Amino acid sequence: MGALLLVLLLVVILAGAGFAIHVLWWVAVVVLVLWLLGFAFRGAGAGGSRGRWYRW
């Protein structure tokens, strides 16, 4: 009985981690798209520090 509960707990933990990782992948894709859009619309080739919209 204890082994069955341990296996079920492991399945729940792995399913939760898989869902969290999946959500984090979608968040990463959205952030990447926003970064690329900001880079394109702020004028990447404008030159000088005025064309940069980030500090680094």
C-alpha atoms as a PDB file:
ATOM      1  CA  MET A   1       0.000   0.000   0.000  1.00  0.00           C
ATOM      2  CA  GLY A   2       2.839   2.402   0.846  1.00  0.00           C
ATOM      3  CA  ALA A   3       4.592   1.705  -2.453  1.00  0.00           C
ATOM      4  CA  LEU A   4       1.376   2.400  -4.362  1.00  0.00           C
ATOM      5  CA  LEU A   5       0.960   5.741  -2.585  1.00  0.00           C
ATOM      6  CA  LEU A   6       4.586   6.589  -3.292  1.00  0.00           C
ATOM      7  CA  VAL A   7       4.143   5.828  -6.994  1.00  0.00           C
ATOM      8  CA  LEU A   8       0.938   7.886  -7.144  1.00  0.00           C
ATOM      9  CA  LEU A   9       2.683  10.790  -5.401  1.00  0.00           C
ATOM     10  CA  LEU A  10       5.550  10.559  -7.883  1.00  0.00           C
ATOM     11  CA  VAL A  11       3.101  10.605 -10.806  1.00  0.00           C
ATOM     12  CA  VAL A  12       1.351  13.692  -9.414  1.00  0.00           C
ATOM     13  CA  ILE A  13       4.675  15.501  -8.892  1.00  0.00           C
ATOM     14  CA  LEU A  14       5.925  14.654 -12.372  1.00  0.00           C
ATOM     15  CA  ALA A  15       2.617  15.659 -13.975  1.00  0.00           C
ATOM     16  CA  GLY A  16       2.692  18.984 -12.131  1.00  0.00           C
ATOM     17  CA  ALA A  17       6.312  19.599 -13.146  1.00  0.00           C
ATOM     18  CA  GLY A  18       5.513  18.745 -16.754  1.00  0.00           C
ATOM     19  CA  PHE A  19       2.615  21.192 -16.766  1.00  0.00           C
ATOM     20  CA  ALA A  20       4.777  23.927 -15.193  1.00  0.00           C
ATOM     21  CA  ILE A  21       7.576  23.367 -17.703  1.00  0.00           C
ATOM     22  CA  HIS A  22       5.062  23.476 -20.561  1.00  0.00           C
ATOM     23  CA  VAL A  23       3.667  26.774 -19.275  1.00  0.00           C
ATOM     24  CA  LEU A  24       7.193  28.183 -18.870  1.00  0.00           C
ATOM     25  CA  TRP A  25       7.971  27.294 -22.496  1.00  0.00           C
ATOM     26  CA  TRP A  26       4.918  29.271 -23.653  1.00  0.00           C
ATOM     27  CA  VAL A  27       5.928  32.218 -21.446  1.00  0.00           C
ATOM     28  CA  ALA A  28       9.437  32.094 -22.939  1.00  0.00           C
ATOM     29  CA  VAL A  29       8.021  32.096 -26.482  1.00  0.00           C
ATOM     30  CA  VAL A  30       5.769  35.081 -25.723  1.00  0.00           C
ATOM     31  CA  VAL A  31       8.661  37.043 -24.176  1.00  0.00           C
ATOM     32  CA  LEU A  32      10.875  36.246 -27.170  1.00  0.00           C
ATOM     33  CA  VAL A  33       8.215  37.450 -29.612  1.00  0.00           C
ATOM     34  CA  LEU A  34       7.682  40.672 -27.629  1.00  0.00           C
ATOM     35  CA  TRP A  35      11.442  41.254 -27.496  1.00  0.00           C
ATOM     36  CA  LEU A  36      11.790  40.759 -31.254  1.00  0.00           C
ATOM     37  CA  LEU A  37       8.838  43.048 -31.973  1.00  0.00           C
ATOM     38  CA  GLY A  38      10.271  45.735 -29.706  1.00  0.00           C
ATOM     39  CA  PHE A  39      13.659  45.349 -31.349  1.00  0.00           C
ATOM     40  CA  ALA A  40      12.116  45.711 -34.811  1.00  0.00           C
ATOM     41  CA  PHE A  41       9.777  48.627 -34.038  1.00  0.00           C
ATOM     42  CA  ARG A  42      12.295  50.686 -32.066  1.00  0.00           C
ATOM     43  CA  GLY A  43      14.634  50.768 -35.023  1.00  0.00           C
ATOM     44  CA  ALA A  44      17.461  48.319 -34.614  1.00  0.00           C
ATOM     45  CA  GLY A  45      19.563  50.071 -37.234  1.00  0.00           C
ATOM     46  CA  ALA A  46      18.971  53.624 -35.995  1.00  0.00           C
ATOM     47  CA  GLY A  47      22.457  53.813 -34.534  1.00  0.00           C
ATOM     48  CA  GLY A  48      23.631  55.430 -31.350  1.00  0.00           C
ATOM     49  CA  SER A  49      22.251  54.834 -27.902  1.00  0.00           C
ATOM     50  CA  ARG A  50      18.905  56.362 -28.853  1.00  0.00           C
ATOM     51  CA  GLY A  51      17.956  53.319 -30.933  1.00  0.00           C
ATOM     52  CA  ARG A  52      18.378  50.983 -27.981  1.00  0.00           C
ATOM     53  CA  TRP A  53      15.370  50.280 -25.807  1.00  0.00           C
ATOM     54  CA  TYR A  54      17.297  48.211 -23.277  1.00  0.00           C
ATOM     55  CA  ARG A  55      20.115  49.206 -20.935  1.00  0.00           C
ATOM     56  CA  TRP A  56      22.634  46.487 -21.654  1.00  0.00           C
END
